[in-house]
């Protein structure tokens, strides 16, 4: 049973050593623990620090591509490296490394496909009052959109089984957290929460520059992910709402027309007819979007089978060496597995 702990990084050379030192070296039920650092275009030698500390795998993006892309690169690399369980954590030391042992237990017991580290946002001493309310509200929205019972939706401390990782593909450009949960809920994966400890972070978040920006970006991500997986419900619902609104001025025109005063209220008929036509077009768009979503499911099934095939082909590969692609330089440091 191989566990790979992935750490997306952006200019984390100063904080990475403390994070690495806090990670567990052995966990009951886990035979092999490896560490993967994803350097998302850092300019402070983050990758060099990771190698100095004997990190098993280092992936470097040639330029900054964002947290979601770094997370997906880590998932792809961990799968190629043979991970049975993947744990994602932050490089700033927010999460207690020792809690990884508890985080992976539901996956080891076969009770969950994904486990989210619950920071206890309602009474977390490291969060201000406004942030606590905001986190609780956001988690409630994500629970509704994903059909899960997660209480800390934007927690980046999470464990993922190999099977679940092979079925997930992050498409957002902002953050993977909400997109991943909505996908998991749509695909009927078992998602659980485990209470975890947190520490006060030594610096502000690099994911967003202000709370309003975070709210707007997260809102767009949730709306996009939900619409992607529930296109028929969203568009047909919107179309029906427009059609109902369009019926009101039409009924107003009919009322006056039956009363012998229809000549002066033709505008109601025009407005109502326009809204009715618009609602019908939106509903038709929903049907087309649902057909596209069906095609997406077929593509996801194909991608899943492709990943399984790559896994079978990679079983005989004992010399990963050095790989380079268009967007990432992958260095596997197997010689440092025992340090």
C-alpha atoms as a PDB file:
ATOM      1  CA  UNK A   1       0.000   0.000   0.000  1.00  0.00           C
ATOM      2  CA  UNK A   2       1.736   3.141  -1.225  1.00  0.00           C
ATOM      3  CA  UNK A   3       0.827   6.606   0.062  1.00  0.00           C
ATOM      4  CA  UNK A   4       2.031   9.686  -1.805  1.00  0.00           C
ATOM      5  CA  UNK A   5       1.730  13.045  -0.049  1.00  0.00           C
ATOM      6  CA  UNK A   6       1.558  15.838  -2.604  1.00  0.00           C
ATOM      7  CA  UNK A   7       2.338  19.473  -1.800  1.00  0.00           C
ATOM      8  CA  UNK A   8       1.544  22.190  -4.383  1.00  0.00           C
ATOM      9  CA  UNK A   9       4.010  25.057  -3.923  1.00  0.00           C
ATOM     10  CA  UNK A  10       4.486  28.615  -5.096  1.00  0.00           C
ATOM     11  CA  UNK A  11       7.571  30.337  -3.637  1.00  0.00           C
ATOM     12  CA  UNK A  12       7.564  28.168  -0.519  1.00  0.00           C
ATOM     13  CA  UNK A  13      11.340  27.715  -0.084  1.00  0.00           C
ATOM     14  CA  UNK A  14      11.226  29.266   3.409  1.00  0.00           C
ATOM     15  CA  UNK A  15       8.246  27.272   4.739  1.00  0.00           C
ATOM     16  CA  UNK A  16       8.662  23.958   2.920  1.00  0.00           C
ATOM     17  CA  UNK A  17      11.347  22.480   5.240  1.00  0.00           C
ATOM     18  CA  UNK A  18       9.096  22.796   8.324  1.00  0.00           C
ATOM     19  CA  UNK A  19       6.182  21.265   6.423  1.00  0.00           C
ATOM     20  CA  UNK A  20       8.305  18.344   5.243  1.00  0.00           C
ATOM     21  CA  UNK A  21       9.716  17.752   8.725  1.00  0.00           C
ATOM     22  CA  UNK A  22       6.186  17.440  10.160  1.00  0.00           C
ATOM     23  CA  UNK A  23       5.059  14.738   7.724  1.00  0.00           C
ATOM     24  CA  UNK A  24       4.753  11.185   9.086  1.00  0.00           C
ATOM     25  CA  UNK A  25       7.366   8.623   8.072  1.00  0.00           C
ATOM     26  CA  UNK A  26       5.238   5.579   8.913  1.00  0.00           C
ATOM     27  CA  UNK A  27       1.506   4.894   9.238  1.00  0.00           C
ATOM     28  CA  UNK A  28      -0.131   1.592  10.251  1.00  0.00           C
ATOM     29  CA  UNK A  29      -1.537  -0.086   7.143  1.00  0.00           C
ATOM     30  CA  UNK A  30       0.777   1.849   4.805  1.00  0.00           C
ATOM     31  CA  UNK A  31       3.848   0.062   3.453  1.00  0.00           C
ATOM     32  CA  UNK A  32       5.486   2.947   1.624  1.00  0.00           C
ATOM     33  CA  UNK A  33       5.209   6.730   2.087  1.00  0.00           C
ATOM     34  CA  UNK A  34       6.557   9.040  -0.608  1.00  0.00           C
ATOM     35  CA  UNK A  35       6.456  12.819  -0.965  1.00  0.00           C
ATOM     36  CA  UNK A  36       5.667  14.769  -4.123  1.00  0.00           C
ATOM     37  CA  UNK A  37       6.285  18.512  -4.480  1.00  0.00           C
ATOM     38  CA  UNK A  38       4.647  20.425  -7.328  1.00  0.00           C
ATOM     39  CA  UNK A  39       6.580  23.640  -7.972  1.00  0.00           C
ATOM     40  CA  UNK A  40       4.095  25.918  -9.729  1.00  0.00           C
ATOM     41  CA  UNK A  41       6.560  28.273 -11.424  1.00  0.00           C
ATOM     42  CA  UNK A  42       8.338  29.439  -8.256  1.00  0.00           C
ATOM     43  CA  UNK A  43      11.281  31.835  -8.488  1.00  0.00           C
ATOM     44  CA  UNK A  44      12.778  31.175  -5.049  1.00  0.00           C
ATOM     45  CA  UNK A  45      14.365  27.718  -5.597  1.00  0.00           C
ATOM     46  CA  UNK A  46      11.452  25.810  -4.088  1.00  0.00           C
ATOM     47  CA  UNK A  47      12.301  22.787  -6.238  1.00  0.00           C
ATOM     48  CA  UNK A  48      15.939  22.902  -5.134  1.00  0.00           C
ATOM     49  CA  UNK A  49      14.941  22.971  -1.471  1.00  0.00           C
ATOM     50  CA  UNK A  50      12.628  20.002  -2.040  1.00  0.00           C
ATOM     51  CA  UNK A  51      15.479  17.993  -3.569  1.00  0.00           C
ATOM     52  CA  UNK A  52      17.824  18.955  -0.731  1.00  0.00           C
ATOM     53  CA  UNK A  53      15.292  17.520   1.700  1.00  0.00           C
ATOM     54  CA  UNK A  54      15.156  14.225  -0.180  1.00  0.00           C
ATOM     55  CA  UNK A  55      11.678  14.590  -1.647  1.00  0.00           C
ATOM     56  CA  UNK A  56      10.971  11.531  -3.780  1.00  0.00           C
ATOM     57  CA  UNK A  57       9.264  13.316  -6.672  1.00  0.00           C
ATOM     58  CA  UNK A  58       9.575  16.924  -7.836  1.00  0.00           C
ATOM     59  CA  UNK A  59       7.414  18.365 -10.603  1.00  0.00           C
ATOM     60  CA  UNK A  60       8.143  21.862 -11.934  1.00  0.00           C
ATOM     61  CA  UNK A  61       5.820  23.983 -14.055  1.00  0.00           C
ATOM     62  CA  UNK A  62       7.805  26.315 -16.284  1.00  0.00           C
ATOM     63  CA  UNK A  63       5.483  29.183 -15.309  1.00  0.00           C
ATOM     64  CA  UNK A  64       2.765  29.738 -12.728  1.00  0.00           C
ATOM     65  CA  UNK A  65      -0.424  27.952 -13.819  1.00  0.00           C
ATOM     66  CA  UNK A  66      -2.523  28.229 -10.657  1.00  0.00           C
ATOM     67  CA  UNK A  67      -3.457  25.978  -7.761  1.00  0.00           C
ATOM     68  CA  UNK A  68      -5.991  23.887  -9.681  1.00  0.00           C
ATOM     69  CA  UNK A  69      -3.461  23.030 -12.416  1.00  0.00           C
ATOM     70  CA  UNK A  70      -0.788  22.250  -9.812  1.00  0.00           C
ATOM     71  CA  UNK A  71      -3.192  19.930  -7.992  1.00  0.00           C
ATOM     72  CA  UNK A  72      -4.109  18.085 -11.210  1.00  0.00           C
ATOM     73  CA  UNK A  73      -0.434  17.740 -12.165  1.00  0.00           C
ATOM     74  CA  UNK A  74       0.209  16.238  -8.748  1.00  0.00           C
ATOM     75  CA  UNK A  75      -2.651  13.756  -9.117  1.00  0.00           C
ATOM     76  CA  UNK A  76      -1.418  12.653 -12.553  1.00  0.00           C
ATOM     77  CA  UNK A  77       2.161  12.275 -11.301  1.00  0.00           C
ATOM     78  CA  UNK A  78       1.118  10.373  -8.172  1.00  0.00           C
ATOM     79  CA  UNK A  79      -0.930   7.941 -10.244  1.00  0.00           C
ATOM     80  CA  UNK A  80       2.026   7.324 -12.563  1.00  0.00           C
ATOM     81  CA  UNK A  81       4.199   6.725  -9.492  1.00  0.00           C
ATOM     82  CA  UNK A  82       1.859   3.958  -8.316  1.00  0.00           C
ATOM     83  CA  UNK A  83       0.050   5.708  -5.461  1.00  0.00           C
ATOM     84  CA  UNK A  84      -2.739   3.710  -3.822  1.00  0.00           C
ATOM     85  CA  UNK A  85      -3.727   6.731  -1.712  1.00  0.00           C
ATOM     86  CA  UNK A  86      -2.955  10.383  -2.423  1.00  0.00           C
ATOM     87  CA  UNK A  87      -2.961  12.995   0.328  1.00  0.00           C
ATOM     88  CA  UNK A  88      -2.926  16.683  -0.584  1.00  0.00           C
ATOM     89  CA  UNK A  89      -1.642  19.217   1.931  1.00  0.00           C
ATOM     90  CA  UNK A  90      -0.468  22.839   1.887  1.00  0.00           C
ATOM     91  CA  UNK A  91       3.154  23.962   2.061  1.00  0.00           C
ATOM     92  CA  UNK A  92       2.512  26.793   4.527  1.00  0.00           C
ATOM     93  CA  UNK A  93       2.132  24.491   7.528  1.00  0.00           C
ATOM     94  CA  UNK A  94      -1.575  25.210   8.069  1.00  0.00           C
ATOM     95  CA  UNK A  95      -2.375  21.528   8.604  1.00  0.00           C
ATOM     96  CA  UNK A  96      -0.900  19.211  11.218  1.00  0.00           C
ATOM     97  CA  UNK A  97       1.174  16.633   9.343  1.00  0.00           C
ATOM     98  CA  UNK A  98       0.620  13.948  11.981  1.00  0.00           C
ATOM     99  CA  UNK A  99      -3.127  14.018  11.239  1.00  0.00           C
ATOM    100  CA  UNK A 100      -2.474  12.360   7.879  1.00  0.00           C
ATOM    101  CA  UNK A 101      -2.564   9.062   9.771  1.00  0.00           C
ATOM    102  CA  UNK A 102      -6.204   9.724  10.720  1.00  0.00           C
ATOM    103  CA  UNK A 103      -7.069  11.230   7.352  1.00  0.00           C
ATOM    104  CA  UNK A 104      -6.264   8.049   5.410  1.00  0.00           C
ATOM    105  CA  UNK A 105      -8.020   5.606   7.739  1.00  0.00           C
ATOM    106  CA  UNK A 106     -11.499   5.761   6.083  1.00  0.00           C
ATOM    107  CA  UNK A 107      -9.842   5.030   2.725  1.00  0.00           C
ATOM    108  CA  UNK A 108      -7.819   2.157   4.185  1.00  0.00           C
ATOM    109  CA  UNK A 109     -10.973   0.671   5.702  1.00  0.00           C
ATOM    110  CA  UNK A 110     -12.809   0.970   2.391  1.00  0.00           C
ATOM    111  CA  UNK A 111     -15.374   3.374   3.851  1.00  0.00           C
ATOM    112  CA  UNK A 112     -14.603   6.403   1.676  1.00  0.00           C
ATOM    113  CA  UNK A 113     -13.266   7.356  -1.730  1.00  0.00           C
ATOM    114  CA  UNK A 114     -12.387  10.879  -0.599  1.00  0.00           C
ATOM    115  CA  UNK A 115     -11.730  12.162   2.919  1.00  0.00           C
ATOM    116  CA  UNK A 116     -11.769  15.887   3.724  1.00  0.00           C
ATOM    117  CA  UNK A 117      -9.888  17.306   6.703  1.00  0.00           C
ATOM    118  CA  UNK A 118     -12.445  19.308   8.696  1.00  0.00           C
ATOM    119  CA  UNK A 119     -10.792  22.342  10.293  1.00  0.00           C
ATOM    120  CA  UNK A 120     -13.786  23.043  12.523  1.00  0.00           C
ATOM    121  CA  UNK A 121     -14.510  26.371  10.844  1.00  0.00           C
ATOM    122  CA  UNK A 122     -17.331  27.226  13.248  1.00  0.00           C
ATOM    123  CA  UNK A 123     -14.967  27.707  16.193  1.00  0.00           C
ATOM    124  CA  UNK A 124     -11.455  27.625  14.725  1.00  0.00           C
ATOM    125  CA  UNK A 125      -9.278  30.011  16.733  1.00  0.00           C
ATOM    126  CA  UNK A 126      -7.160  30.847  13.675  1.00  0.00           C
ATOM    127  CA  UNK A 127     -10.159  32.227  11.746  1.00  0.00           C
ATOM    128  CA  UNK A 128     -11.738  35.593  12.328  1.00  0.00           C
ATOM    129  CA  UNK A 129     -15.518  35.916  12.908  1.00  0.00           C
ATOM    130  CA  UNK A 130     -16.213  37.041   9.344  1.00  0.00           C
ATOM    131  CA  UNK A 131     -14.127  34.228   7.853  1.00  0.00           C
ATOM    132  CA  UNK A 132     -15.934  31.666  10.015  1.00  0.00           C
ATOM    133  CA  UNK A 133     -19.345  32.820   8.776  1.00  0.00           C
ATOM    134  CA  UNK A 134     -18.106  32.968   5.199  1.00  0.00           C
ATOM    135  CA  UNK A 135     -16.644  29.465   5.354  1.00  0.00           C
ATOM    136  CA  UNK A 136     -19.832  28.031   6.857  1.00  0.00           C
ATOM    137  CA  UNK A 137     -21.990  29.717   4.216  1.00  0.00           C
ATOM    138  CA  UNK A 138     -19.738  28.540   1.392  1.00  0.00           C
ATOM    139  CA  UNK A 139     -19.698  24.983   2.697  1.00  0.00           C
ATOM    140  CA  UNK A 140     -23.499  24.986   2.914  1.00  0.00           C
ATOM    141  CA  UNK A 141     -23.736  26.082  -0.741  1.00  0.00           C
ATOM    142  CA  UNK A 142     -21.284  23.378  -1.836  1.00  0.00           C
ATOM    143  CA  UNK A 143     -23.134  20.735   0.186  1.00  0.00           C
ATOM    144  CA  UNK A 144     -26.314  21.691  -1.623  1.00  0.00           C
ATOM    145  CA  UNK A 145     -24.637  21.697  -5.040  1.00  0.00           C
ATOM    146  CA  UNK A 146     -22.692  18.455  -4.551  1.00  0.00           C
ATOM    147  CA  UNK A 147     -25.166  16.403  -2.541  1.00  0.00           C
ATOM    148  CA  UNK A 148     -22.511  15.625   0.076  1.00  0.00           C
ATOM    149  CA  UNK A 149     -22.428  16.231   3.837  1.00  0.00           C
ATOM    150  CA  UNK A 150     -19.038  17.934   3.990  1.00  0.00           C
ATOM    151  CA  UNK A 151     -18.761  20.704   6.589  1.00  0.00           C
ATOM    152  CA  UNK A 152     -15.488  22.253   5.353  1.00  0.00           C
ATOM    153  CA  UNK A 153     -15.751  22.345   1.576  1.00  0.00           C
ATOM    154  CA  UNK A 154     -12.656  24.441   0.819  1.00  0.00           C
ATOM    155  CA  UNK A 155     -10.239  22.502   3.008  1.00  0.00           C
ATOM    156  CA  UNK A 156      -7.198  21.509   0.951  1.00  0.00           C
ATOM    157  CA  UNK A 157      -6.250  18.742   3.381  1.00  0.00           C
ATOM    158  CA  UNK A 158      -7.748  15.638   1.786  1.00  0.00           C
ATOM    159  CA  UNK A 159      -7.060  11.981   1.043  1.00  0.00           C
ATOM    160  CA  UNK A 160      -8.099  10.364  -2.241  1.00  0.00           C
ATOM    161  CA  UNK A 161      -8.164   6.704  -3.185  1.00  0.00           C
ATOM    162  CA  UNK A 162      -6.477   5.654  -6.411  1.00  0.00           C
ATOM    163  CA  UNK A 163      -9.798   4.674  -7.951  1.00  0.00           C
ATOM    164  CA  UNK A 164     -11.319   8.086  -7.173  1.00  0.00           C
ATOM    165  CA  UNK A 165      -8.249   9.952  -8.449  1.00  0.00           C
ATOM    166  CA  UNK A 166      -8.469   8.117 -11.766  1.00  0.00           C
ATOM    167  CA  UNK A 167     -12.070   9.283 -12.204  1.00  0.00           C
ATOM    168  CA  UNK A 168     -11.520  12.952 -11.341  1.00  0.00           C
ATOM    169  CA  UNK A 169     -10.350  15.655 -13.732  1.00  0.00           C
ATOM    170  CA  UNK A 170     -10.192  19.221 -12.446  1.00  0.00           C
ATOM    171  CA  UNK A 171     -11.373  21.701 -15.077  1.00  0.00           C
ATOM    172  CA  UNK A 172     -11.498  24.974 -13.140  1.00  0.00           C
ATOM    173  CA  UNK A 173      -8.586  27.421 -13.233  1.00  0.00           C
ATOM    174  CA  UNK A 174      -9.021  28.852  -9.718  1.00  0.00           C
ATOM    175  CA  UNK A 175      -9.182  26.163  -7.046  1.00  0.00           C
ATOM    176  CA  UNK A 176      -9.790  22.437  -7.143  1.00  0.00           C
ATOM    177  CA  UNK A 177     -11.655  22.135  -3.825  1.00  0.00           C
ATOM    178  CA  UNK A 178     -15.261  22.864  -4.784  1.00  0.00           C
ATOM    179  CA  UNK A 179     -14.978  21.480  -8.331  1.00  0.00           C
ATOM    180  CA  UNK A 180     -13.672  18.199  -6.947  1.00  0.00           C
ATOM    181  CA  UNK A 181     -16.518  17.847  -4.428  1.00  0.00           C
ATOM    182  CA  UNK A 182     -19.237  18.572  -6.994  1.00  0.00           C
ATOM    183  CA  UNK A 183     -17.693  15.992  -9.342  1.00  0.00           C
ATOM    184  CA  UNK A 184     -17.468  13.461  -6.503  1.00  0.00           C
ATOM    185  CA  UNK A 185     -21.100  13.998  -5.545  1.00  0.00           C
ATOM    186  CA  UNK A 186     -22.232  13.713  -9.160  1.00  0.00           C
ATOM    187  CA  UNK A 187     -20.304  10.455  -9.575  1.00  0.00           C
ATOM    188  CA  UNK A 188     -21.770   9.007  -6.372  1.00  0.00           C
ATOM    189  CA  UNK A 189     -18.433   8.718  -4.578  1.00  0.00           C
ATOM    190  CA  UNK A 190     -18.312   8.169  -0.833  1.00  0.00           C
ATOM    191  CA  UNK A 191     -17.024  11.394   0.752  1.00  0.00           C
ATOM    192  CA  UNK A 192     -16.334  11.703   4.487  1.00  0.00           C
ATOM    193  CA  UNK A 193     -14.916  14.288   6.876  1.00  0.00           C
ATOM    194  CA  UNK A 194     -12.296  13.792   9.575  1.00  0.00           C
ATOM    195  CA  UNK A 195     -11.513  16.463  12.218  1.00  0.00           C
ATOM    196  CA  UNK A 196      -7.974  17.811  11.852  1.00  0.00           C
ATOM    197  CA  UNK A 197      -5.790  20.301  13.682  1.00  0.00           C
ATOM    198  CA  UNK A 198      -4.594  23.531  12.144  1.00  0.00           C
ATOM    199  CA  UNK A 199      -1.891  26.125  12.776  1.00  0.00           C
ATOM    200  CA  UNK A 200      -1.819  29.849  12.167  1.00  0.00           C
ATOM    201  CA  UNK A 201      -0.262  30.454   8.755  1.00  0.00           C
ATOM    202  CA  UNK A 202       2.791  32.754   8.703  1.00  0.00           C
ATOM    203  CA  UNK A 203       1.689  34.630   5.570  1.00  0.00           C
ATOM    204  CA  UNK A 204      -1.499  35.661   3.718  1.00  0.00           C
ATOM    205  CA  UNK A 205      -3.002  33.299   1.168  1.00  0.00           C
ATOM    206  CA  UNK A 206      -1.462  33.444  -2.310  1.00  0.00           C
ATOM    207  CA  UNK A 207      -4.607  32.015  -3.889  1.00  0.00           C
ATOM    208  CA  UNK A 208      -6.550  35.287  -3.705  1.00  0.00           C
ATOM    209  CA  UNK A 209      -5.754  38.932  -2.971  1.00  0.00           C
ATOM    210  CA  UNK A 210      -8.985  39.887  -1.188  1.00  0.00           C
ATOM    211  CA  UNK A 211     -12.113  38.350   0.313  1.00  0.00           C
ATOM    212  CA  UNK A 212     -14.437  39.788  -2.391  1.00  0.00           C
ATOM    213  CA  UNK A 213     -12.230  38.297  -5.095  1.00  0.00           C
ATOM    214  CA  UNK A 214     -12.260  34.936  -3.331  1.00  0.00           C
ATOM    215  CA  UNK A 215     -16.066  35.033  -3.068  1.00  0.00           C
ATOM    216  CA  UNK A 216     -16.528  35.932  -6.728  1.00  0.00           C
ATOM    217  CA  UNK A 217     -14.031  33.346  -7.991  1.00  0.00           C
ATOM    218  CA  UNK A 218     -15.468  30.609  -5.796  1.00  0.00           C
ATOM    219  CA  UNK A 219     -19.007  31.525  -6.865  1.00  0.00           C
ATOM    220  CA  UNK A 220     -18.039  31.267 -10.528  1.00  0.00           C
ATOM    221  CA  UNK A 221     -16.343  27.913  -9.883  1.00  0.00           C
ATOM    222  CA  UNK A 222     -19.378  26.476  -8.076  1.00  0.00           C
ATOM    223  CA  UNK A 223     -21.803  27.744 -10.733  1.00  0.00           C
ATOM    224  CA  UNK A 224     -19.676  26.414 -13.568  1.00  0.00           C
ATOM    225  CA  UNK A 225     -19.119  23.006 -11.975  1.00  0.00           C
ATOM    226  CA  UNK A 226     -22.778  22.597 -11.014  1.00  0.00           C
ATOM    227  CA  UNK A 227     -23.992  23.654 -14.458  1.00  0.00           C
ATOM    228  CA  UNK A 228     -21.520  21.293 -16.133  1.00  0.00           C
ATOM    229  CA  UNK A 229     -22.916  18.295 -14.281  1.00  0.00           C
ATOM    230  CA  UNK A 230     -26.570  19.395 -14.058  1.00  0.00           C
ATOM    231  CA  UNK A 231     -27.091  21.199 -17.372  1.00  0.00           C
ATOM    232  CA  UNK A 232     -30.630  19.930 -17.983  1.00  0.00           C
ATOM    233  CA  UNK A 233     -31.873  21.002 -14.557  1.00  0.00           C
ATOM    234  CA  UNK A 234     -30.256  24.450 -14.765  1.00  0.00           C
ATOM    235  CA  UNK A 235     -31.282  25.420 -18.303  1.00  0.00           C
ATOM    236  CA  UNK A 236     -34.742  23.856 -18.303  1.00  0.00           C
ATOM    237  CA  UNK A 237     -35.440  25.409 -14.911  1.00  0.00           C
ATOM    238  CA  UNK A 238     -34.310  28.820 -16.156  1.00  0.00           C
ATOM    239  CA  UNK A 239     -36.335  28.395 -19.351  1.00  0.00           C
ATOM    240  CA  UNK A 240     -39.476  27.501 -17.411  1.00  0.00           C
ATOM    241  CA  UNK A 241     -38.994  30.535 -15.149  1.00  0.00           C
ATOM    242  CA  UNK A 242     -38.738  32.827 -18.174  1.00  0.00           C
ATOM    243  CA  UNK A 243     -41.780  31.203 -19.759  1.00  0.00           C
ATOM    244  CA  UNK A 244     -43.860  31.661 -16.604  1.00  0.00           C
ATOM    245  CA  UNK A 245     -42.838  35.313 -16.387  1.00  0.00           C
ATOM    246  CA  UNK A 246     -43.759  35.672 -20.077  1.00  0.00           C
ATOM    247  CA  UNK A 247     -47.229  34.249 -19.444  1.00  0.00           C
ATOM    248  CA  UNK A 248     -48.080  37.036 -16.994  1.00  0.00           C
ATOM    249  CA  UNK A 249     -48.207  39.929 -19.542  1.00  0.00           C
ATOM    250  CA  UNK A 250     -49.945  37.605 -22.034  1.00  0.00           C
ATOM    251  CA  UNK A 251     -52.641  36.873 -19.446  1.00  0.00           C
ATOM    252  CA  UNK A 252     -52.864  40.634 -18.808  1.00  0.00           C
ATOM    253  CA  UNK A 253     -53.477  41.238 -22.521  1.00  0.00           C
ATOM    254  CA  UNK A 254     -56.107  38.483 -22.675  1.00  0.00           C
ATOM    255  CA  UNK A 255     -57.881  39.994 -19.656  1.00  0.00           C
ATOM    256  CA  UNK A 256     -58.163  43.408 -21.269  1.00  0.00           C
ATOM    257  CA  UNK A 257     -58.980  41.917 -24.672  1.00  0.00           C
ATOM    258  CA  UNK A 258     -61.911  39.952 -23.260  1.00  0.00           C
ATOM    259  CA  UNK A 259     -63.072  43.173 -21.645  1.00  0.00           C
ATOM    260  CA  UNK A 260     -63.115  44.907 -25.028  1.00  0.00           C
ATOM    261  CA  UNK A 261     -59.965  46.983 -24.404  1.00  0.00           C
ATOM    262  CA  UNK A 262     -57.264  44.968 -26.179  1.00  0.00           C
ATOM    263  CA  UNK A 263     -56.078  47.616 -28.647  1.00  0.00           C
ATOM    264  CA  UNK A 264     -54.108  49.611 -26.109  1.00  0.00           C
ATOM    265  CA  UNK A 265     -52.254  46.676 -24.552  1.00  0.00           C
ATOM    266  CA  UNK A 266     -50.485  45.082 -27.490  1.00  0.00           C
ATOM    267  CA  UNK A 267     -47.117  45.772 -25.802  1.00  0.00           C
ATOM    268  CA  UNK A 268     -48.003  43.227 -23.120  1.00  0.00           C
ATOM    269  CA  UNK A 269     -48.540  40.620 -25.817  1.00  0.00           C
ATOM    270  CA  UNK A 270     -45.195  41.488 -27.439  1.00  0.00           C
ATOM    271  CA  UNK A 271     -43.244  41.362 -24.179  1.00  0.00           C
ATOM    272  CA  UNK A 272     -44.929  38.146 -23.058  1.00  0.00           C
ATOM    273  CA  UNK A 273     -44.408  36.463 -26.416  1.00  0.00           C
ATOM    274  CA  UNK A 274     -40.728  37.442 -26.429  1.00  0.00           C
ATOM    275  CA  UNK A 275     -40.159  36.031 -22.944  1.00  0.00           C
ATOM    276  CA  UNK A 276     -42.040  32.860 -23.850  1.00  0.00           C
ATOM    277  CA  UNK A 277     -39.872  32.355 -26.935  1.00  0.00           C
ATOM    278  CA  UNK A 278     -36.703  33.088 -24.938  1.00  0.00           C
ATOM    279  CA  UNK A 279     -37.704  30.563 -22.274  1.00  0.00           C
ATOM    280  CA  UNK A 280     -38.309  27.926 -24.939  1.00  0.00           C
ATOM    281  CA  UNK A 281     -34.883  28.580 -26.501  1.00  0.00           C
ATOM    282  CA  UNK A 282     -33.165  28.329 -23.107  1.00  0.00           C
ATOM    283  CA  UNK A 283     -34.936  25.018 -22.421  1.00  0.00           C
ATOM    284  CA  UNK A 284     -33.798  23.697 -25.805  1.00  0.00           C
ATOM    285  CA  UNK A 285     -30.258  24.778 -24.898  1.00  0.00           C
ATOM    286  CA  UNK A 286     -30.617  22.677 -21.755  1.00  0.00           C
ATOM    287  CA  UNK A 287     -31.487  19.606 -23.798  1.00  0.00           C
ATOM    288  CA  UNK A 288     -28.457  20.190 -26.034  1.00  0.00           C
ATOM    289  CA  UNK A 289     -26.235  20.775 -22.988  1.00  0.00           C
ATOM    290  CA  UNK A 290     -27.484  17.520 -21.480  1.00  0.00           C
ATOM    291  CA  UNK A 291     -26.507  15.681 -24.644  1.00  0.00           C
ATOM    292  CA  UNK A 292     -23.073  17.265 -24.423  1.00  0.00           C
ATOM    293  CA  UNK A 293     -22.874  16.181 -20.767  1.00  0.00           C
ATOM    294  CA  UNK A 294     -23.645  12.622 -21.861  1.00  0.00           C
ATOM    295  CA  UNK A 295     -20.737  12.834 -24.278  1.00  0.00           C
ATOM    296  CA  UNK A 296     -18.583  14.139 -21.425  1.00  0.00           C
ATOM    297  CA  UNK A 297     -19.421  11.023 -19.411  1.00  0.00           C
ATOM    298  CA  UNK A 298     -18.258   8.862 -22.307  1.00  0.00           C
ATOM    299  CA  UNK A 299     -15.022  10.849 -22.518  1.00  0.00           C
ATOM    300  CA  UNK A 300     -14.492  10.498 -18.761  1.00  0.00           C
ATOM    301  CA  UNK A 301     -15.042   6.740 -19.019  1.00  0.00           C
ATOM    302  CA  UNK A 302     -12.498   6.622 -21.850  1.00  0.00           C
ATOM    303  CA  UNK A 303     -10.000   8.653 -19.798  1.00  0.00           C
ATOM    304  CA  UNK A 304     -10.510   6.331 -16.833  1.00  0.00           C
ATOM    305  CA  UNK A 305      -9.822   3.263 -18.978  1.00  0.00           C
ATOM    306  CA  UNK A 306      -6.772   4.990 -20.462  1.00  0.00           C
ATOM    307  CA  UNK A 307      -5.389   5.654 -16.993  1.00  0.00           C
ATOM    308  CA  UNK A 308      -5.967   2.025 -16.060  1.00  0.00           C
ATOM    309  CA  UNK A 309      -4.151   0.943 -19.215  1.00  0.00           C
ATOM    310  CA  UNK A 310      -1.234   3.258 -18.415  1.00  0.00           C
ATOM    311  CA  UNK A 311      -1.129   1.723 -14.950  1.00  0.00           C
ATOM    312  CA  UNK A 312      -0.838  -1.781 -16.395  1.00  0.00           C
ATOM    313  CA  UNK A 313       1.885  -0.695 -18.827  1.00  0.00           C
ATOM    314  CA  UNK A 314       3.821   1.103 -16.080  1.00  0.00           C
ATOM    315  CA  UNK A 315       4.005  -1.908 -13.770  1.00  0.00           C
ATOM    316  CA  UNK A 316       7.068  -3.182 -15.568  1.00  0.00           C
ATOM    317  CA  UNK A 317       8.794   0.214 -15.632  1.00  0.00           C
ATOM    318  CA  UNK A 318      11.448   0.165 -12.910  1.00  0.00           C
ATOM    319  CA  UNK A 319      13.444   3.150 -14.175  1.00  0.00           C
ATOM    320  CA  UNK A 320      11.242   6.277 -14.266  1.00  0.00           C
ATOM    321  CA  UNK A 321      14.290   8.505 -14.839  1.00  0.00           C
ATOM    322  CA  UNK A 322      13.617  11.956 -16.200  1.00  0.00           C
ATOM    323  CA  UNK A 323      10.493  12.935 -18.105  1.00  0.00           C
ATOM    324  CA  UNK A 324       9.764  16.241 -19.791  1.00  0.00           C
ATOM    325  CA  UNK A 325       6.522  17.436 -21.359  1.00  0.00           C
ATOM    326  CA  UNK A 326       5.117  20.629 -22.773  1.00  0.00           C
ATOM    327  CA  UNK A 327       3.993  21.955 -19.409  1.00  0.00           C
ATOM    328  CA  UNK A 328       6.046  20.195 -16.755  1.00  0.00           C
ATOM    329  CA  UNK A 329       9.471  18.820 -15.995  1.00  0.00           C
ATOM    330  CA  UNK A 330       9.203  15.683 -13.881  1.00  0.00           C
ATOM    331  CA  UNK A 331      12.142  14.486 -11.833  1.00  0.00           C
ATOM    332  CA  UNK A 332      11.755  11.240  -9.917  1.00  0.00           C
ATOM    333  CA  UNK A 333      14.208  10.896  -7.057  1.00  0.00           C
ATOM    334  CA  UNK A 334      13.789   7.269  -6.081  1.00  0.00           C
ATOM    335  CA  UNK A 335      17.316   7.116  -4.711  1.00  0.00           C
ATOM    336  CA  UNK A 336      16.240   9.304  -1.802  1.00  0.00           C
ATOM    337  CA  UNK A 337      13.412   7.047  -0.717  1.00  0.00           C
ATOM    338  CA  UNK A 338      15.399   6.080   2.414  1.00  0.00           C
ATOM    339  CA  UNK A 339      16.804   9.147   4.103  1.00  0.00           C
END
